[in-house]
Amino acid sequence: MIAVHRLRGEPMFLNADLVESIEATPDTVLTLVDGRRIVVADKPEEVAERIIEFRAAVLVGAAELRGASAPVATIH
């Protein structure tokens, strides 16, 4: 789950795995895999970074459960 904020500033927790796309129109619109759209106050880059951090935390947690070291990401 990631935290985002509705336009009035109320926090909302969103299942990051359901986000299909992020648009700036100029408001940030999150389109979910089921077609629903959510407008949030957060910038698209902020939402994308939270999703990346969430997924990285999941990978680290899975590696720790297996007793292995965390996978190292490389950018080509």
N, C-alpha and C. Protein backbone atom coordinates (compact mmCIF):
# COMPACT_ATOMS: atom_id res chain seq x y z
N MET A 1 0.84 -1.17 0.00
CA MET A 1 0.00 0.00 0.00
C MET A 1 0.89 1.24 0.00
N ILE A 2 0.43 2.25 -0.71
CA ILE A 2 1.11 3.54 -0.71
C ILE A 2 0.13 4.62 -0.26
N ALA A 3 0.66 5.68 0.29
CA ALA A 3 -0.17 6.81 0.70
C ALA A 3 -0.22 7.84 -0.42
N VAL A 4 -1.42 8.29 -0.75
CA VAL A 4 -1.65 9.40 -1.67
C VAL A 4 -2.63 10.34 -0.99
N HIS A 5 -2.86 11.49 -1.58
CA HIS A 5 -3.75 12.47 -0.97
C HIS A 5 -4.80 12.92 -1.96
N ARG A 6 -6.03 12.91 -1.50
CA ARG A 6 -7.12 13.42 -2.33
C ARG A 6 -6.91 14.91 -2.53
N LEU A 7 -7.66 15.54 -3.43
CA LEU A 7 -7.46 16.94 -3.75
C LEU A 7 -7.65 17.85 -2.54
N ARG A 8 -8.51 17.47 -1.61
CA ARG A 8 -8.74 18.27 -0.41
C ARG A 8 -7.69 18.00 0.67
N GLY A 9 -6.76 17.09 0.39
CA GLY A 9 -5.67 16.82 1.31
C GLY A 9 -5.84 15.60 2.19
N GLU A 10 -7.00 14.94 2.14
CA GLU A 10 -7.20 13.75 2.96
C GLU A 10 -6.31 12.62 2.47
N PRO A 11 -5.61 11.96 3.40
CA PRO A 11 -4.77 10.83 2.98
C PRO A 11 -5.63 9.63 2.59
N MET A 12 -5.11 8.86 1.67
CA MET A 12 -5.78 7.64 1.22
C MET A 12 -4.69 6.62 0.96
N PHE A 13 -4.94 5.38 1.33
CA PHE A 13 -3.98 4.31 1.06
C PHE A 13 -4.48 3.50 -0.12
N LEU A 14 -3.56 3.25 -1.05
CA LEU A 14 -3.90 2.63 -2.31
C LEU A 14 -3.03 1.41 -2.55
N ASN A 15 -3.63 0.34 -3.03
CA ASN A 15 -2.88 -0.85 -3.39
C ASN A 15 -2.06 -0.53 -4.64
N ALA A 16 -0.76 -0.44 -4.47
CA ALA A 16 0.13 -0.04 -5.56
C ALA A 16 0.07 -1.00 -6.75
N ASP A 17 -0.27 -2.25 -6.50
CA ASP A 17 -0.33 -3.24 -7.59
C ASP A 17 -1.52 -3.02 -8.51
N LEU A 18 -2.46 -2.17 -8.12
CA LEU A 18 -3.63 -1.91 -8.95
C LEU A 18 -3.46 -0.73 -9.89
N VAL A 19 -2.37 0.02 -9.75
CA VAL A 19 -2.16 1.21 -10.59
C VAL A 19 -1.66 0.77 -11.96
N GLU A 20 -2.42 1.14 -12.98
CA GLU A 20 -2.04 0.81 -14.36
C GLU A 20 -1.30 1.97 -15.01
N SER A 21 -1.77 3.20 -14.77
CA SER A 21 -1.09 4.35 -15.36
C SER A 21 -1.27 5.58 -14.48
N ILE A 22 -0.36 6.55 -14.69
CA ILE A 22 -0.38 7.81 -13.96
C ILE A 22 -0.28 8.92 -14.99
N GLU A 23 -1.23 9.87 -14.94
CA GLU A 23 -1.23 10.97 -15.90
C GLU A 23 -1.28 12.30 -15.16
N ALA A 24 -0.72 13.33 -15.78
CA ALA A 24 -0.85 14.70 -15.28
C ALA A 24 -1.69 15.46 -16.29
N THR A 25 -2.92 15.89 -15.89
CA THR A 25 -3.86 16.44 -16.88
C THR A 25 -4.54 17.74 -16.48
N PRO A 26 -4.17 18.74 -15.78
CA PRO A 26 -2.97 18.93 -14.99
C PRO A 26 -3.02 18.25 -13.64
N ASP A 27 -4.22 17.86 -13.17
CA ASP A 27 -4.27 17.08 -11.93
C ASP A 27 -3.71 15.69 -12.20
N THR A 28 -3.23 15.05 -11.15
CA THR A 28 -2.71 13.70 -11.30
C THR A 28 -3.85 12.71 -11.28
N VAL A 29 -3.97 11.93 -12.33
CA VAL A 29 -5.04 10.93 -12.46
C VAL A 29 -4.40 9.55 -12.47
N LEU A 30 -4.82 8.73 -11.50
CA LEU A 30 -4.36 7.34 -11.44
C LEU A 30 -5.44 6.47 -12.07
N THR A 31 -5.06 5.69 -13.06
CA THR A 31 -6.00 4.74 -13.66
C THR A 31 -5.64 3.37 -13.11
N LEU A 32 -6.66 2.70 -12.56
CA LEU A 32 -6.45 1.39 -11.97
C LEU A 32 -6.72 0.30 -13.00
N VAL A 33 -6.28 -0.91 -12.72
CA VAL A 33 -6.41 -2.01 -13.67
C VAL A 33 -7.87 -2.33 -14.01
N ASP A 34 -8.80 -1.97 -13.13
CA ASP A 34 -10.21 -2.23 -13.42
C ASP A 34 -10.89 -1.06 -14.13
N GLY A 35 -10.11 -0.03 -14.51
CA GLY A 35 -10.65 1.09 -15.26
C GLY A 35 -11.05 2.29 -14.40
N ARG A 36 -11.13 2.10 -13.09
CA ARG A 36 -11.47 3.24 -12.22
C ARG A 36 -10.37 4.27 -12.28
N ARG A 37 -10.76 5.54 -12.09
CA ARG A 37 -9.81 6.63 -12.09
C ARG A 37 -9.89 7.36 -10.76
N ILE A 38 -8.74 7.72 -10.23
CA ILE A 38 -8.67 8.44 -8.97
C ILE A 38 -7.83 9.68 -9.20
N VAL A 39 -8.36 10.84 -8.82
CA VAL A 39 -7.62 12.09 -8.94
C VAL A 39 -6.98 12.38 -7.59
N VAL A 40 -5.67 12.64 -7.60
CA VAL A 40 -4.94 12.89 -6.36
C VAL A 40 -4.15 14.18 -6.46
N ALA A 41 -3.78 14.72 -5.28
CA ALA A 41 -3.03 15.97 -5.22
C ALA A 41 -1.54 15.76 -5.43
N ASP A 42 -1.05 14.54 -5.24
CA ASP A 42 0.37 14.25 -5.36
C ASP A 42 0.83 14.35 -6.81
N LYS A 43 2.08 14.75 -7.01
CA LYS A 43 2.65 14.82 -8.36
C LYS A 43 2.87 13.41 -8.89
N PRO A 44 2.76 13.21 -10.21
CA PRO A 44 2.97 11.87 -10.79
C PRO A 44 4.31 11.26 -10.40
N GLU A 45 5.36 12.07 -10.37
CA GLU A 45 6.69 11.56 -10.02
C GLU A 45 6.72 11.05 -8.57
N GLU A 46 6.00 11.73 -7.68
CA GLU A 46 5.94 11.29 -6.28
C GLU A 46 5.24 9.94 -6.16
N VAL A 47 4.13 9.80 -6.88
CA VAL A 47 3.37 8.54 -6.83
C VAL A 47 4.23 7.41 -7.40
N ALA A 48 4.87 7.66 -8.53
CA ALA A 48 5.72 6.63 -9.14
C ALA A 48 6.85 6.23 -8.20
N GLU A 49 7.48 7.19 -7.53
CA GLU A 49 8.56 6.89 -6.60
C GLU A 49 8.06 6.06 -5.42
N ARG A 50 6.86 6.36 -4.92
CA ARG A 50 6.30 5.57 -3.82
C ARG A 50 6.03 4.13 -4.25
N ILE A 51 5.57 3.96 -5.48
CA ILE A 51 5.32 2.61 -5.99
C ILE A 51 6.64 1.85 -6.10
N ILE A 52 7.67 2.50 -6.62
CA ILE A 52 8.99 1.86 -6.74
C ILE A 52 9.52 1.47 -5.37
N GLU A 53 9.41 2.38 -4.40
CA GLU A 53 9.89 2.10 -3.04
C GLU A 53 9.10 0.95 -2.40
N PHE A 54 7.79 0.92 -2.63
CA PHE A 54 6.96 -0.16 -2.09
C PHE A 54 7.39 -1.51 -2.66
N ARG A 55 7.57 -1.56 -3.96
CA ARG A 55 7.95 -2.83 -4.59
C ARG A 55 9.35 -3.27 -4.17
N ALA A 56 10.25 -2.31 -4.01
CA ALA A 56 11.59 -2.64 -3.54
C ALA A 56 11.53 -3.20 -2.12
N ALA A 57 10.69 -2.62 -1.27
CA ALA A 57 10.55 -3.11 0.10
C ALA A 57 9.99 -4.54 0.11
N VAL A 58 9.10 -4.84 -0.81
CA VAL A 58 8.55 -6.20 -0.90
C VAL A 58 9.66 -7.18 -1.27
N LEU A 59 10.50 -6.81 -2.23
CA LEU A 59 11.60 -7.69 -2.64
C LEU A 59 12.60 -7.90 -1.51
N VAL A 60 12.92 -6.84 -0.78
CA VAL A 60 13.85 -6.96 0.34
C VAL A 60 13.26 -7.87 1.41
N GLY A 61 11.98 -7.67 1.71
CA GLY A 61 11.32 -8.51 2.72
C GLY A 61 11.29 -9.97 2.32
N ALA A 62 11.03 -10.24 1.05
CA ALA A 62 11.02 -11.62 0.58
C ALA A 62 12.41 -12.24 0.68
N ALA A 63 13.43 -11.47 0.34
CA ALA A 63 14.80 -11.99 0.43
C ALA A 63 15.17 -12.28 1.88
N GLU A 64 14.76 -11.41 2.79
CA GLU A 64 15.05 -11.63 4.21
C GLU A 64 14.36 -12.88 4.74
N LEU A 65 13.14 -13.13 4.28
CA LEU A 65 12.43 -14.33 4.70
C LEU A 65 13.13 -15.60 4.23
N ARG A 66 13.73 -15.53 3.05
CA ARG A 66 14.47 -16.68 2.51
C ARG A 66 15.85 -16.80 3.12
N GLY A 67 16.27 -15.77 3.85
CA GLY A 67 17.60 -15.79 4.44
C GLY A 67 18.68 -15.38 3.47
N ALA A 68 18.27 -14.85 2.32
CA ALA A 68 19.24 -14.43 1.32
C ALA A 68 19.45 -12.92 1.42
N SER A 69 20.51 -12.45 0.82
CA SER A 69 20.71 -11.00 0.78
C SER A 69 19.75 -10.41 -0.23
N ALA A 70 19.49 -9.14 -0.08
CA ALA A 70 18.55 -8.45 -0.98
C ALA A 70 19.10 -8.40 -2.39
N PRO A 71 18.22 -8.52 -3.39
CA PRO A 71 18.68 -8.42 -4.77
C PRO A 71 19.20 -7.01 -5.05
N VAL A 72 20.21 -6.94 -5.89
CA VAL A 72 20.79 -5.64 -6.25
C VAL A 72 20.28 -5.25 -7.63
N ALA A 73 19.64 -4.08 -7.70
CA ALA A 73 19.11 -3.60 -8.96
C ALA A 73 20.21 -2.87 -9.73
N THR A 74 20.24 -3.11 -11.03
CA THR A 74 21.17 -2.37 -11.88
C THR A 74 20.38 -1.70 -12.98
N ILE A 75 20.81 -0.51 -13.33
CA ILE A 75 20.16 0.22 -14.41
C ILE A 75 21.10 0.23 -15.59
N HIS A 76 20.57 -0.18 -16.72
CA HIS A 76 21.40 -0.26 -17.93
C HIS A 76 21.18 0.95 -18.77
